[in-house]
Amino acid sequence: MGEARRKAANLAAEMETTDPKIELGLNAAIVTVREQQPYILVVRPGATGSGAFDALPYGTFSPRAHRTLEIGLREWVKRQTGLELGYVEQLYTFGDRGRHSEPGGAHTLSVGYLALTRGGGEELSGSLWSPWYAYFPWEDWRSGKPEILTREIEPRLKEWAGRTPPPDEPARPLRRAERLRIGFGLDGAWDEEKVLERYELLYEAGLVTEASRDGRPAAEQWSNLPELGRPMEFDHRRILATALGRLRGKLKYRPVVFELLPPEFTLYDLQQTVEAISGTLLHKQNFRRLVEKGGLVEATGNVSTETGGRPARLYRFRREVVLERPAPGLRVKAGRG
């Protein structure tokens, strides 16, 4: 036993001298919806001391100062933005080498979180609310297929798919062309939840600024490349893509959308909030039947006169539905209303 412990100690000491230190980072994708648009809270460029790109609120986890990861996240967000978080859920841990660590520094494992909040119109210290689709303009289909897909993204991705992969490219069960067809719906089947898959394909093909900044060889093969969405610091756009995909999926089986609405709202407000997050238009009458049949809301007896037409009935979330059904969400389908 003594010899085994000695060998383990020697191995640990050897690894400590050859491997970089590991740092645990906490990142928050904080979402709100106002005026029919989804926004995220970003730290102003330069406020993190790391460059000229937008960044998600983030900081490092301190085991002595923070009892849990979530407590650490809430404290960092409060310190950087002044915002008190409400709904929070953990997304994923991101640890790819080269997408966050700085030369000579610690390697960072980033724990991403999704947070939802109402309002979003207030001024916050050191941060601002930025349109979500500025970072992913190809994800907003409410006015039809985004032109950036047809004009810029699809032709370049098809060209990339037709190239011979480099010898060191990892073997995958699907070829590049097949992954494009699935991720970007080139056969007509667009899946709004595959946000991360689409961003990862753009990164792998070297088409986003982050790939060039991270020194990915694929980025060197392009010239006169336009900026495809607003870039972010480190791997924050990857974390944000994960958050968008998670939120779009959760709309279908959890009543998370009500975290983004005031206590009383019209059915039109509810529909527009779902459309803003999903990036698709919904058929008005079908949506209302789905909401009422699902028992998600109940009338308050009040009306709103802010619609510009006839007074609209006000509703609230019916909390009892979470005890009545295992997955009380909005399984909506895109359509023209």
C-alpha atoms as a PDB file:
ATOM      1  CA  MET A   1       0.000   0.000   0.000  1.00  0.00           C
ATOM      2  CA  GLY A   2       2.867   2.373   0.841  1.00  0.00           C
ATOM      3  CA  GLU A   3       4.487   1.818  -2.562  1.00  0.00           C
ATOM      4  CA  ALA A   4       1.182   2.440  -4.343  1.00  0.00           C
ATOM      5  CA  ARG A   5       0.662   5.693  -2.486  1.00  0.00           C
ATOM      6  CA  ARG A   6       4.215   6.790  -3.281  1.00  0.00           C
ATOM      7  CA  LYS A   7       3.668   6.138  -7.006  1.00  0.00           C
ATOM      8  CA  ALA A   8       0.358   8.014  -6.939  1.00  0.00           C
ATOM      9  CA  ALA A   9       2.005  10.973  -5.208  1.00  0.00           C
ATOM     10  CA  ASN A  10       4.848  11.000  -7.768  1.00  0.00           C
ATOM     11  CA  LEU A  11       2.335  10.888 -10.640  1.00  0.00           C
ATOM     12  CA  ALA A  12       0.335  13.755  -9.138  1.00  0.00           C
ATOM     13  CA  ALA A  13       3.488  15.826  -8.702  1.00  0.00           C
ATOM     14  CA  GLU A  14       4.561  15.105 -12.285  1.00  0.00           C
ATOM     15  CA  MET A  15       1.158  16.102 -13.655  1.00  0.00           C
ATOM     16  CA  GLU A  16       1.175  19.283 -11.596  1.00  0.00           C
ATOM     17  CA  THR A  17       4.401  20.378 -13.260  1.00  0.00           C
ATOM     18  CA  THR A  18       3.244  19.580 -16.797  1.00  0.00           C
ATOM     19  CA  ASP A  19      -0.480  20.387 -16.806  1.00  0.00           C
ATOM     20  CA  PRO A  20      -1.936  23.881 -16.390  1.00  0.00           C
ATOM     21  CA  LYS A  21      -3.932  24.774 -13.331  1.00  0.00           C
ATOM     22  CA  ILE A  22      -7.667  24.244 -13.566  1.00  0.00           C
ATOM     23  CA  GLU A  23      -9.984  27.150 -12.849  1.00  0.00           C
ATOM     24  CA  LEU A  24     -13.758  26.808 -12.474  1.00  0.00           C
ATOM     25  CA  GLY A  25     -15.696  29.610 -14.131  1.00  0.00           C
ATOM     26  CA  LEU A  26     -19.384  30.463 -13.675  1.00  0.00           C
ATOM     27  CA  ASN A  27     -21.283  31.948 -16.645  1.00  0.00           C
ATOM     28  CA  ALA A  28     -24.874  33.190 -16.813  1.00  0.00           C
ATOM     29  CA  ALA A  29     -27.045  33.506 -19.921  1.00  0.00           C
ATOM     30  CA  ILE A  30     -29.689  35.846 -18.458  1.00  0.00           C
ATOM     31  CA  VAL A  31     -32.745  36.190 -20.683  1.00  0.00           C
ATOM     32  CA  THR A  32     -35.656  38.588 -20.752  1.00  0.00           C
ATOM     33  CA  VAL A  33     -38.290  39.461 -23.371  1.00  0.00           C
ATOM     34  CA  ARG A  34     -39.631  42.938 -24.035  1.00  0.00           C
ATOM     35  CA  GLU A  35     -41.326  44.557 -27.024  1.00  0.00           C
ATOM     36  CA  GLN A  36     -41.525  41.155 -28.749  1.00  0.00           C
ATOM     37  CA  GLN A  37     -37.756  40.650 -28.679  1.00  0.00           C
ATOM     38  CA  PRO A  38     -35.550  38.394 -26.525  1.00  0.00           C
ATOM     39  CA  TYR A  39     -32.582  40.058 -24.853  1.00  0.00           C
ATOM     40  CA  ILE A  40     -29.579  38.799 -22.937  1.00  0.00           C
ATOM     41  CA  LEU A  41     -27.566  40.613 -20.321  1.00  0.00           C
ATOM     42  CA  VAL A  42     -23.957  41.177 -21.384  1.00  0.00           C
ATOM     43  CA  VAL A  43     -21.015  42.749 -19.633  1.00  0.00           C
ATOM     44  CA  ARG A  44     -19.765  45.759 -21.538  1.00  0.00           C
ATOM     45  CA  PRO A  45     -16.614  45.152 -23.638  1.00  0.00           C
ATOM     46  CA  GLY A  46     -13.513  45.703 -21.550  1.00  0.00           C
ATOM     47  CA  ALA A  47     -15.343  45.466 -18.225  1.00  0.00           C
ATOM     48  CA  THR A  48     -13.965  41.951 -17.732  1.00  0.00           C
ATOM     49  CA  GLY A  49     -10.475  43.077 -18.621  1.00  0.00           C
ATOM     50  CA  SER A  50     -10.325  40.599 -21.484  1.00  0.00           C
ATOM     51  CA  GLY A  51     -11.008  42.361 -24.753  1.00  0.00           C
ATOM     52  CA  ALA A  52     -13.427  44.159 -27.024  1.00  0.00           C
ATOM     53  CA  PHE A  53     -16.221  41.582 -27.319  1.00  0.00           C
ATOM     54  CA  ASP A  54     -19.464  41.216 -25.413  1.00  0.00           C
ATOM     55  CA  ALA A  55     -19.299  38.720 -22.553  1.00  0.00           C
ATOM     56  CA  LEU A  56     -21.814  36.924 -20.402  1.00  0.00           C
ATOM     57  CA  PRO A  57     -21.642  37.867 -16.722  1.00  0.00           C
ATOM     58  CA  TYR A  58     -19.073  35.500 -15.241  1.00  0.00           C
ATOM     59  CA  GLY A  59     -16.549  34.928 -12.510  1.00  0.00           C
ATOM     60  CA  THR A  60     -14.550  32.182 -10.866  1.00  0.00           C
ATOM     61  CA  PHE A  61     -15.866  29.789  -8.243  1.00  0.00           C
ATOM     62  CA  SER A  62     -14.235  30.151  -4.831  1.00  0.00           C
ATOM     63  CA  PRO A  63     -14.826  27.071  -2.624  1.00  0.00           C
ATOM     64  CA  ARG A  64     -14.134  29.052   0.539  1.00  0.00           C
ATOM     65  CA  ALA A  65     -16.349  31.999  -0.332  1.00  0.00           C
ATOM     66  CA  HIS A  66     -19.164  30.138  -2.132  1.00  0.00           C
ATOM     67  CA  ARG A  67     -20.982  27.236  -0.494  1.00  0.00           C
ATOM     68  CA  THR A  68     -22.453  26.137  -3.850  1.00  0.00           C
ATOM     69  CA  LEU A  69     -21.831  26.879  -7.524  1.00  0.00           C
ATOM     70  CA  GLU A  70     -25.194  28.611  -7.840  1.00  0.00           C
ATOM     71  CA  ILE A  71     -24.484  30.859  -4.866  1.00  0.00           C
ATOM     72  CA  GLY A  72     -21.209  31.819  -6.509  1.00  0.00           C
ATOM     73  CA  LEU A  73     -22.974  32.573  -9.781  1.00  0.00           C
ATOM     74  CA  ARG A  74     -25.586  34.760  -8.102  1.00  0.00           C
ATOM     75  CA  GLU A  75     -22.910  36.704  -6.237  1.00  0.00           C
ATOM     76  CA  TRP A  76     -20.878  37.311  -9.400  1.00  0.00           C
ATOM     77  CA  VAL A  77     -23.938  38.493 -11.339  1.00  0.00           C
ATOM     78  CA  LYS A  78     -24.945  40.800  -8.499  1.00  0.00           C
ATOM     79  CA  ARG A  79     -21.415  42.216  -8.312  1.00  0.00           C
ATOM     80  CA  GLN A  80     -21.028  42.748 -12.071  1.00  0.00           C
ATOM     81  CA  THR A  81     -24.524  43.916 -12.998  1.00  0.00           C
ATOM     82  CA  GLY A  82     -26.456  44.736  -9.830  1.00  0.00           C
ATOM     83  CA  LEU A  83     -29.146  42.239 -10.860  1.00  0.00           C
ATOM     84  CA  GLU A  84     -30.745  39.821  -8.377  1.00  0.00           C
ATOM     85  CA  LEU A  85     -31.377  36.553 -10.212  1.00  0.00           C
ATOM     86  CA  GLY A  86     -34.640  34.635  -9.927  1.00  0.00           C
ATOM     87  CA  TYR A  87     -35.070  31.449 -11.986  1.00  0.00           C
ATOM     88  CA  VAL A  88     -31.717  29.728 -12.582  1.00  0.00           C
ATOM     89  CA  GLU A  89     -30.796  26.294 -13.928  1.00  0.00           C
ATOM     90  CA  GLN A  90     -27.449  24.720 -14.764  1.00  0.00           C
ATOM     91  CA  LEU A  91     -26.808  23.983 -18.434  1.00  0.00           C
ATOM     92  CA  TYR A  92     -23.532  22.222 -19.041  1.00  0.00           C
ATOM     93  CA  THR A  93     -19.814  22.300 -18.269  1.00  0.00           C
ATOM     94  CA  PHE A  94     -17.603  23.552 -21.105  1.00  0.00           C
ATOM     95  CA  GLY A  95     -13.922  22.706 -21.058  1.00  0.00           C
ATOM     96  CA  ASP A  96     -12.484  22.605 -24.587  1.00  0.00           C
ATOM     97  CA  ARG A  97      -8.834  23.608 -24.656  1.00  0.00           C
ATOM     98  CA  GLY A  98      -8.209  26.792 -26.609  1.00  0.00           C
ATOM     99  CA  ARG A  99     -11.707  28.238 -26.290  1.00  0.00           C
ATOM    100  CA  HIS A 100     -11.267  30.003 -22.980  1.00  0.00           C
ATOM    101  CA  SER A 101      -7.820  29.629 -21.444  1.00  0.00           C
ATOM    102  CA  GLU A 102      -5.269  32.335 -22.136  1.00  0.00           C
ATOM    103  CA  PRO A 103      -1.636  31.516 -23.024  1.00  0.00           C
ATOM    104  CA  GLY A 104       0.284  30.630 -19.881  1.00  0.00           C
ATOM    105  CA  GLY A 105      -2.806  30.897 -17.703  1.00  0.00           C
ATOM    106  CA  ALA A 106      -5.052  28.412 -15.989  1.00  0.00           C
ATOM    107  CA  HIS A 107      -7.296  26.190 -18.064  1.00  0.00           C
ATOM    108  CA  THR A 108     -10.888  27.186 -17.393  1.00  0.00           C
ATOM    109  CA  LEU A 109     -13.834  24.844 -17.027  1.00  0.00           C
ATOM    110  CA  SER A 110     -16.938  26.961 -17.600  1.00  0.00           C
ATOM    111  CA  VAL A 111     -20.182  25.992 -15.889  1.00  0.00           C
ATOM    112  CA  GLY A 112     -22.977  27.601 -17.880  1.00  0.00           C
ATOM    113  CA  TYR A 113     -26.343  28.623 -16.443  1.00  0.00           C
ATOM    114  CA  LEU A 114     -29.646  29.766 -17.902  1.00  0.00           C
ATOM    115  CA  ALA A 115     -31.472  32.484 -15.965  1.00  0.00           C
ATOM    116  CA  LEU A 116     -34.855  34.072 -16.742  1.00  0.00           C
ATOM    117  CA  THR A 117     -36.087  37.433 -15.555  1.00  0.00           C
ATOM    118  CA  ARG A 118     -38.981  39.816 -16.209  1.00  0.00           C
ATOM    119  CA  GLY A 119     -38.652  43.375 -17.395  1.00  0.00           C
ATOM    120  CA  GLY A 120     -35.170  44.137 -18.596  1.00  0.00           C
ATOM    121  CA  GLY A 121     -35.719  47.825 -19.203  1.00  0.00           C
ATOM    122  CA  GLU A 122     -33.714  49.044 -16.241  1.00  0.00           C
ATOM    123  CA  GLU A 123     -30.213  50.469 -16.422  1.00  0.00           C
ATOM    124  CA  LEU A 124     -27.638  48.202 -14.829  1.00  0.00           C
ATOM    125  CA  SER A 125     -24.123  49.012 -13.739  1.00  0.00           C
ATOM    126  CA  GLY A 126     -21.392  47.778 -16.087  1.00  0.00           C
ATOM    127  CA  SER A 127     -23.768  45.804 -18.293  1.00  0.00           C
ATOM    128  CA  LEU A 128     -26.535  46.185 -20.857  1.00  0.00           C
ATOM    129  CA  TRP A 129     -29.402  44.264 -22.428  1.00  0.00           C
ATOM    130  CA  SER A 130     -28.462  43.145 -25.930  1.00  0.00           C
ATOM    131  CA  PRO A 131     -30.763  41.555 -28.593  1.00  0.00           C
ATOM    132  CA  TRP A 132     -30.370  37.791 -28.530  1.00  0.00           C
ATOM    133  CA  TYR A 133     -30.648  37.432 -32.306  1.00  0.00           C
ATOM    134  CA  ALA A 134     -27.758  39.834 -32.877  1.00  0.00           C
ATOM    135  CA  TYR A 135     -25.553  36.843 -31.980  1.00  0.00           C
ATOM    136  CA  PHE A 136     -27.603  34.261 -33.926  1.00  0.00           C
ATOM    137  CA  PRO A 137     -29.364  36.099 -36.794  1.00  0.00           C
ATOM    138  CA  TRP A 138     -30.010  32.792 -38.609  1.00  0.00           C
ATOM    139  CA  GLU A 139     -32.228  31.599 -35.730  1.00  0.00           C
ATOM    140  CA  ASP A 140     -35.049  34.159 -36.121  1.00  0.00           C
ATOM    141  CA  TRP A 141     -37.605  32.896 -38.686  1.00  0.00           C
ATOM    142  CA  ARG A 142     -40.515  35.132 -37.664  1.00  0.00           C
ATOM    143  CA  SER A 143     -40.237  37.070 -40.926  1.00  0.00           C
ATOM    144  CA  GLY A 144     -39.478  34.001 -43.014  1.00  0.00           C
ATOM    145  CA  LYS A 145     -36.182  32.278 -43.732  1.00  0.00           C
ATOM    146  CA  PRO A 146     -33.332  34.629 -42.711  1.00  0.00           C
ATOM    147  CA  GLU A 147     -31.506  36.008 -45.729  1.00  0.00           C
ATOM    148  CA  ILE A 148     -28.138  35.396 -44.063  1.00  0.00           C
ATOM    149  CA  LEU A 149     -28.753  31.651 -44.406  1.00  0.00           C
ATOM    150  CA  THR A 150     -29.394  31.762 -48.148  1.00  0.00           C
ATOM    151  CA  ARG A 151     -26.842  34.433 -49.007  1.00  0.00           C
ATOM    152  CA  GLU A 152     -23.894  33.714 -46.700  1.00  0.00           C
ATOM    153  CA  ILE A 153     -24.123  30.579 -44.590  1.00  0.00           C
ATOM    154  CA  GLU A 154     -25.507  27.758 -46.715  1.00  0.00           C
ATOM    155  CA  PRO A 155     -23.224  28.295 -49.775  1.00  0.00           C
ATOM    156  CA  ARG A 156     -20.107  28.353 -47.591  1.00  0.00           C
ATOM    157  CA  LEU A 157     -21.157  25.352 -45.521  1.00  0.00           C
ATOM    158  CA  LYS A 158     -21.839  23.350 -48.689  1.00  0.00           C
ATOM    159  CA  GLU A 159     -18.412  24.329 -50.008  1.00  0.00           C
ATOM    160  CA  TRP A 160     -16.833  23.248 -46.706  1.00  0.00           C
ATOM    161  CA  ALA A 161     -18.730  19.961 -46.756  1.00  0.00           C
ATOM    162  CA  GLY A 162     -17.361  19.212 -50.212  1.00  0.00           C
ATOM    163  CA  ARG A 163     -13.737  19.635 -49.191  1.00  0.00           C
ATOM    164  CA  THR A 164     -11.537  16.706 -48.249  1.00  0.00           C
ATOM    165  CA  PRO A 165     -11.334  16.580 -44.433  1.00  0.00           C
ATOM    166  CA  PRO A 166      -7.830  16.952 -42.944  1.00  0.00           C
ATOM    167  CA  PRO A 167      -6.150  13.728 -41.753  1.00  0.00           C
ATOM    168  CA  ASP A 168      -6.471  14.703 -38.087  1.00  0.00           C
ATOM    169  CA  GLU A 169     -10.240  15.335 -38.222  1.00  0.00           C
ATOM    170  CA  PRO A 170     -11.988  13.000 -35.763  1.00  0.00           C
ATOM    171  CA  ALA A 171     -14.012  10.189 -37.305  1.00  0.00           C
ATOM    172  CA  ARG A 172     -17.760  10.792 -37.052  1.00  0.00           C
ATOM    173  CA  PRO A 173     -20.719   8.507 -37.746  1.00  0.00           C
ATOM    174  CA  LEU A 174     -22.166  11.096 -40.162  1.00  0.00           C
ATOM    175  CA  ARG A 175     -20.414  12.840 -43.034  1.00  0.00           C
ATOM    176  CA  ARG A 176     -20.206  16.629 -43.153  1.00  0.00           C
ATOM    177  CA  ALA A 177     -23.005  16.912 -45.707  1.00  0.00           C
ATOM    178  CA  GLU A 178     -25.295  14.753 -43.587  1.00  0.00           C
ATOM    179  CA  ARG A 179     -24.605  16.825 -40.486  1.00  0.00           C
ATOM    180  CA  LEU A 180     -25.426  19.996 -42.416  1.00  0.00           C
ATOM    181  CA  ARG A 181     -28.674  18.534 -43.698  1.00  0.00           C
ATOM    182  CA  ILE A 182     -29.745  17.650 -40.164  1.00  0.00           C
ATOM    183  CA  GLY A 183     -28.445  20.743 -38.372  1.00  0.00           C
ATOM    184  CA  PHE A 184     -29.518  23.387 -40.874  1.00  0.00           C
ATOM    185  CA  GLY A 185     -32.585  21.642 -42.232  1.00  0.00           C
ATOM    186  CA  LEU A 186     -31.325  21.595 -45.809  1.00  0.00           C
ATOM    187  CA  ASP A 187     -34.013  19.019 -46.555  1.00  0.00           C
ATOM    188  CA  GLY A 188     -36.671  21.412 -45.264  1.00  0.00           C
ATOM    189  CA  ALA A 189     -36.884  20.036 -41.709  1.00  0.00           C
ATOM    190  CA  TRP A 190     -35.617  22.943 -39.581  1.00  0.00           C
ATOM    191  CA  ASP A 191     -35.418  21.986 -35.895  1.00  0.00           C
ATOM    192  CA  GLU A 192     -35.459  25.139 -33.763  1.00  0.00           C
ATOM    193  CA  GLU A 193     -33.825  23.320 -30.829  1.00  0.00           C
ATOM    194  CA  LYS A 194     -30.562  22.511 -32.686  1.00  0.00           C
ATOM    195  CA  VAL A 195     -29.040  25.920 -31.931  1.00  0.00           C
ATOM    196  CA  LEU A 196     -25.801  24.568 -30.490  1.00  0.00           C
ATOM    197  CA  GLU A 197     -25.349  22.046 -33.316  1.00  0.00           C
ATOM    198  CA  ARG A 198     -25.645  24.847 -35.878  1.00  0.00           C
ATOM    199  CA  TYR A 199     -23.182  27.102 -34.077  1.00  0.00           C
ATOM    200  CA  GLU A 200     -20.707  24.235 -33.656  1.00  0.00           C
ATOM    201  CA  LEU A 201     -20.862  23.495 -37.393  1.00  0.00           C
ATOM    202  CA  LEU A 202     -20.153  27.147 -38.176  1.00  0.00           C
ATOM    203  CA  TYR A 203     -17.242  27.096 -35.737  1.00  0.00           C
ATOM    204  CA  GLU A 204     -15.864  23.824 -37.127  1.00  0.00           C
ATOM    205  CA  ALA A 205     -16.092  25.198 -40.658  1.00  0.00           C
ATOM    206  CA  GLY A 206     -14.177  28.308 -39.568  1.00  0.00           C
ATOM    207  CA  LEU A 207     -17.017  30.672 -40.442  1.00  0.00           C
ATOM    208  CA  VAL A 208     -17.437  32.541 -37.142  1.00  0.00           C
ATOM    209  CA  THR A 209     -15.056  35.099 -35.694  1.00  0.00           C
ATOM    210  CA  GLU A 210     -14.332  32.928 -32.670  1.00  0.00           C
ATOM    211  CA  ALA A 211     -12.818  30.198 -34.877  1.00  0.00           C
ATOM    212  CA  SER A 212     -10.379  32.657 -36.426  1.00  0.00           C
ATOM    213  CA  ARG A 213      -9.581  34.190 -33.041  1.00  0.00           C
ATOM    214  CA  ASP A 214      -8.927  30.727 -31.573  1.00  0.00           C
ATOM    215  CA  GLY A 215      -6.527  29.880 -34.400  1.00  0.00           C
ATOM    216  CA  ARG A 216      -8.618  27.104 -35.979  1.00  0.00           C
ATOM    217  CA  PRO A 217      -7.046  26.008 -39.305  1.00  0.00           C
ATOM    218  CA  ALA A 218     -10.433  25.920 -41.071  1.00  0.00           C
ATOM    219  CA  ALA A 219     -10.781  29.690 -40.609  1.00  0.00           C
ATOM    220  CA  GLU A 220      -7.629  30.287 -42.674  1.00  0.00           C
ATOM    221  CA  GLN A 221      -9.291  28.858 -45.780  1.00  0.00           C
ATOM    222  CA  TRP A 222     -11.757  31.740 -46.139  1.00  0.00           C
ATOM    223  CA  SER A 223     -11.242  35.253 -47.495  1.00  0.00           C
ATOM    224  CA  ASN A 224     -13.562  38.269 -47.382  1.00  0.00           C
ATOM    225  CA  LEU A 225     -15.686  36.524 -44.783  1.00  0.00           C
ATOM    226  CA  PRO A 226     -18.517  38.680 -43.377  1.00  0.00           C
ATOM    227  CA  GLU A 227     -19.228  38.683 -39.669  1.00  0.00           C
ATOM    228  CA  LEU A 228     -21.862  36.015 -39.088  1.00  0.00           C
ATOM    229  CA  GLY A 229     -23.546  37.277 -35.949  1.00  0.00           C
ATOM    230  CA  ARG A 230     -21.952  39.331 -33.207  1.00  0.00           C
ATOM    231  CA  PRO A 231     -18.966  37.480 -31.662  1.00  0.00           C
ATOM    232  CA  MET A 232     -18.442  37.093 -27.914  1.00  0.00           C
ATOM    233  CA  GLU A 233     -15.543  36.659 -25.536  1.00  0.00           C
ATOM    234  CA  PHE A 234     -14.021  33.216 -24.989  1.00  0.00           C
ATOM    235  CA  ASP A 235     -16.628  30.453 -25.554  1.00  0.00           C
ATOM    236  CA  HIS A 236     -19.558  32.592 -24.378  1.00  0.00           C
ATOM    237  CA  ARG A 237     -21.444  32.401 -27.688  1.00  0.00           C
ATOM    238  CA  ARG A 238     -21.260  28.624 -27.446  1.00  0.00           C
ATOM    239  CA  ILE A 239     -22.747  28.812 -23.946  1.00  0.00           C
ATOM    240  CA  LEU A 240     -25.423  31.186 -25.211  1.00  0.00           C
ATOM    241  CA  ALA A 241     -26.304  28.785 -28.045  1.00  0.00           C
ATOM    242  CA  THR A 242     -26.728  26.030 -25.471  1.00  0.00           C
ATOM    243  CA  ALA A 243     -29.014  28.269 -23.425  1.00  0.00           C
ATOM    244  CA  LEU A 244     -31.205  29.138 -26.424  1.00  0.00           C
ATOM    245  CA  GLY A 245     -31.572  25.504 -27.446  1.00  0.00           C
ATOM    246  CA  ARG A 246     -32.388  24.483 -23.870  1.00  0.00           C
ATOM    247  CA  LEU A 247     -34.983  27.213 -23.449  1.00  0.00           C
ATOM    248  CA  ARG A 248     -36.664  26.410 -26.775  1.00  0.00           C
ATOM    249  CA  GLY A 249     -36.899  22.770 -25.769  1.00  0.00           C
ATOM    250  CA  LYS A 250     -38.175  23.524 -22.279  1.00  0.00           C
ATOM    251  CA  LEU A 251     -41.048  25.598 -23.604  1.00  0.00           C
ATOM    252  CA  LYS A 252     -42.607  22.322 -24.746  1.00  0.00           C
ATOM    253  CA  TYR A 253     -42.648  20.490 -21.427  1.00  0.00           C
ATOM    254  CA  ARG A 254     -42.170  23.030 -18.625  1.00  0.00           C
ATOM    255  CA  PRO A 255     -44.059  26.289 -17.911  1.00  0.00           C
ATOM    256  CA  VAL A 256     -40.833  28.339 -17.960  1.00  0.00           C
ATOM    257  CA  VAL A 257     -42.309  30.952 -20.310  1.00  0.00           C
ATOM    258  CA  PHE A 258     -44.265  32.401 -17.378  1.00  0.00           C
ATOM    259  CA  GLU A 259     -40.956  33.379 -15.744  1.00  0.00           C
ATOM    260  CA  LEU A 260     -40.678  35.959 -18.540  1.00  0.00           C
ATOM    261  CA  LEU A 261     -44.184  37.410 -18.191  1.00  0.00           C
ATOM    262  CA  PRO A 262     -45.738  39.781 -15.640  1.00  0.00           C
ATOM    263  CA  PRO A 263     -48.218  38.322 -13.125  1.00  0.00           C
ATOM    264  CA  GLU A 264     -51.114  39.299 -15.434  1.00  0.00           C
ATOM    265  CA  PHE A 265     -50.906  39.137 -19.216  1.00  0.00           C
ATOM    266  CA  THR A 266     -53.030  38.785 -22.337  1.00  0.00           C
ATOM    267  CA  LEU A 267     -52.977  35.648 -24.478  1.00  0.00           C
ATOM    268  CA  TYR A 268     -51.442  37.796 -27.200  1.00  0.00           C
ATOM    269  CA  ASP A 269     -48.588  38.699 -24.819  1.00  0.00           C
ATOM    270  CA  LEU A 270     -48.083  35.005 -24.107  1.00  0.00           C
ATOM    271  CA  GLN A 271     -48.042  34.099 -27.798  1.00  0.00           C
ATOM    272  CA  GLN A 272     -45.571  36.831 -28.689  1.00  0.00           C
ATOM    273  CA  THR A 273     -43.235  35.757 -25.888  1.00  0.00           C
ATOM    274  CA  VAL A 274     -43.271  32.152 -27.129  1.00  0.00           C
ATOM    275  CA  GLU A 275     -42.672  33.357 -30.686  1.00  0.00           C
ATOM    276  CA  ALA A 276     -39.771  35.564 -29.590  1.00  0.00           C
ATOM    277  CA  ILE A 277     -37.981  32.641 -27.948  1.00  0.00           C
ATOM    278  CA  SER A 278     -38.804  29.975 -30.548  1.00  0.00           C
ATOM    279  CA  GLY A 279     -38.030  32.262 -33.491  1.00  0.00           C
ATOM    280  CA  THR A 280     -41.190  31.151 -35.315  1.00  0.00           C
ATOM    281  CA  LEU A 281     -44.686  32.518 -35.874  1.00  0.00           C
ATOM    282  CA  LEU A 282     -47.631  30.594 -34.419  1.00  0.00           C
ATOM    283  CA  HIS A 283     -51.198  30.212 -35.634  1.00  0.00           C
ATOM    284  CA  LYS A 284     -53.260  32.446 -33.352  1.00  0.00           C
ATOM    285  CA  GLN A 285     -56.372  30.308 -32.916  1.00  0.00           C
ATOM    286  CA  ASN A 286     -54.456  27.031 -32.637  1.00  0.00           C
ATOM    287  CA  PHE A 287     -52.209  28.568 -29.997  1.00  0.00           C
ATOM    288  CA  ARG A 288     -55.140  29.797 -27.917  1.00  0.00           C
ATOM    289  CA  ARG A 289     -56.862  26.424 -28.075  1.00  0.00           C
ATOM    290  CA  LEU A 290     -53.651  24.725 -26.977  1.00  0.00           C
ATOM    291  CA  VAL A 291     -53.192  27.078 -24.012  1.00  0.00           C
ATOM    292  CA  GLU A 292     -56.779  26.827 -22.814  1.00  0.00           C
ATOM    293  CA  LYS A 293     -57.027  23.059 -23.350  1.00  0.00           C
ATOM    294  CA  GLY A 294     -53.783  22.547 -21.443  1.00  0.00           C
ATOM    295  CA  GLY A 295     -55.090  24.384 -18.395  1.00  0.00           C
ATOM    296  CA  LEU A 296     -51.981  26.541 -18.227  1.00  0.00           C
ATOM    297  CA  VAL A 297     -53.772  29.832 -17.560  1.00  0.00           C
ATOM    298  CA  GLU A 298     -56.854  31.187 -15.876  1.00  0.00           C
ATOM    299  CA  ALA A 299     -58.701  34.472 -16.357  1.00  0.00           C
ATOM    300  CA  THR A 300     -58.186  37.074 -13.625  1.00  0.00           C
ATOM    301  CA  GLY A 301     -61.405  38.994 -14.332  1.00  0.00           C
ATOM    302  CA  ASN A 302     -59.396  42.073 -15.326  1.00  0.00           C
ATOM    303  CA  VAL A 303     -58.891  43.543 -18.791  1.00  0.00           C
ATOM    304  CA  SER A 304     -56.140  45.462 -20.548  1.00  0.00           C
ATOM    305  CA  THR A 305     -56.857  48.608 -22.550  1.00  0.00           C
ATOM    306  CA  GLU A 306     -53.286  48.872 -23.895  1.00  0.00           C
ATOM    307  CA  THR A 307     -53.971  46.758 -26.980  1.00  0.00           C
ATOM    308  CA  GLY A 308     -55.238  49.683 -29.074  1.00  0.00           C
ATOM    309  CA  GLY A 309     -58.527  47.943 -29.823  1.00  0.00           C
ATOM    310  CA  ARG A 310     -61.146  46.237 -27.728  1.00  0.00           C
ATOM    311  CA  PRO A 311     -60.159  45.578 -24.108  1.00  0.00           C
ATOM    312  CA  ALA A 312     -58.338  42.231 -23.849  1.00  0.00           C
ATOM    313  CA  ARG A 313     -58.899  39.749 -21.054  1.00  0.00           C
ATOM    314  CA  LEU A 314     -56.037  39.308 -18.629  1.00  0.00           C
ATOM    315  CA  TYR A 315     -54.803  35.906 -17.502  1.00  0.00           C
ATOM    316  CA  ARG A 316     -52.363  34.467 -14.993  1.00  0.00           C
ATOM    317  CA  PHE A 317     -50.407  31.248 -14.804  1.00  0.00           C
ATOM    318  CA  ARG A 318     -52.465  28.501 -13.182  1.00  0.00           C
ATOM    319  CA  ARG A 319     -49.946  26.948 -10.808  1.00  0.00           C
ATOM    320  CA  GLU A 320     -52.058  23.860 -10.099  1.00  0.00           C
ATOM    321  CA  VAL A 321     -51.203  22.534 -13.568  1.00  0.00           C
ATOM    322  CA  VAL A 322     -47.754  21.392 -12.399  1.00  0.00           C
ATOM    323  CA  LEU A 323     -49.483  18.981  -9.988  1.00  0.00           C
ATOM    324  CA  GLU A 324     -51.974  17.754 -12.591  1.00  0.00           C
ATOM    325  CA  ARG A 325     -49.636  16.970 -15.497  1.00  0.00           C
ATOM    326  CA  PRO A 326     -46.072  15.609 -15.639  1.00  0.00           C
ATOM    327  CA  ALA A 327     -45.010  17.913 -18.506  1.00  0.00           C
ATOM    328  CA  PRO A 328     -47.176  21.075 -18.618  1.00  0.00           C
ATOM    329  CA  GLY A 329     -45.632  22.951 -21.527  1.00  0.00           C
ATOM    330  CA  LEU A 330     -46.590  24.409 -24.897  1.00  0.00           C
ATOM    331  CA  ARG A 331     -46.037  21.893 -27.674  1.00  0.00           C
ATOM    332  CA  VAL A 332     -46.581  24.464 -30.382  1.00  0.00           C
ATOM    333  CA  LYS A 333     -46.064  24.165 -34.124  1.00  0.00           C
ATOM    334  CA  ALA A 334     -44.956  26.994 -36.374  1.00  0.00           C
ATOM    335  CA  GLY A 335     -47.572  28.550 -38.612  1.00  0.00           C
ATOM    336  CA  ARG A 336     -48.955  31.765 -40.025  1.00  0.00           C
ATOM    337  CA  GLY A 337     -51.647  33.359 -37.907  1.00  0.00           C
END
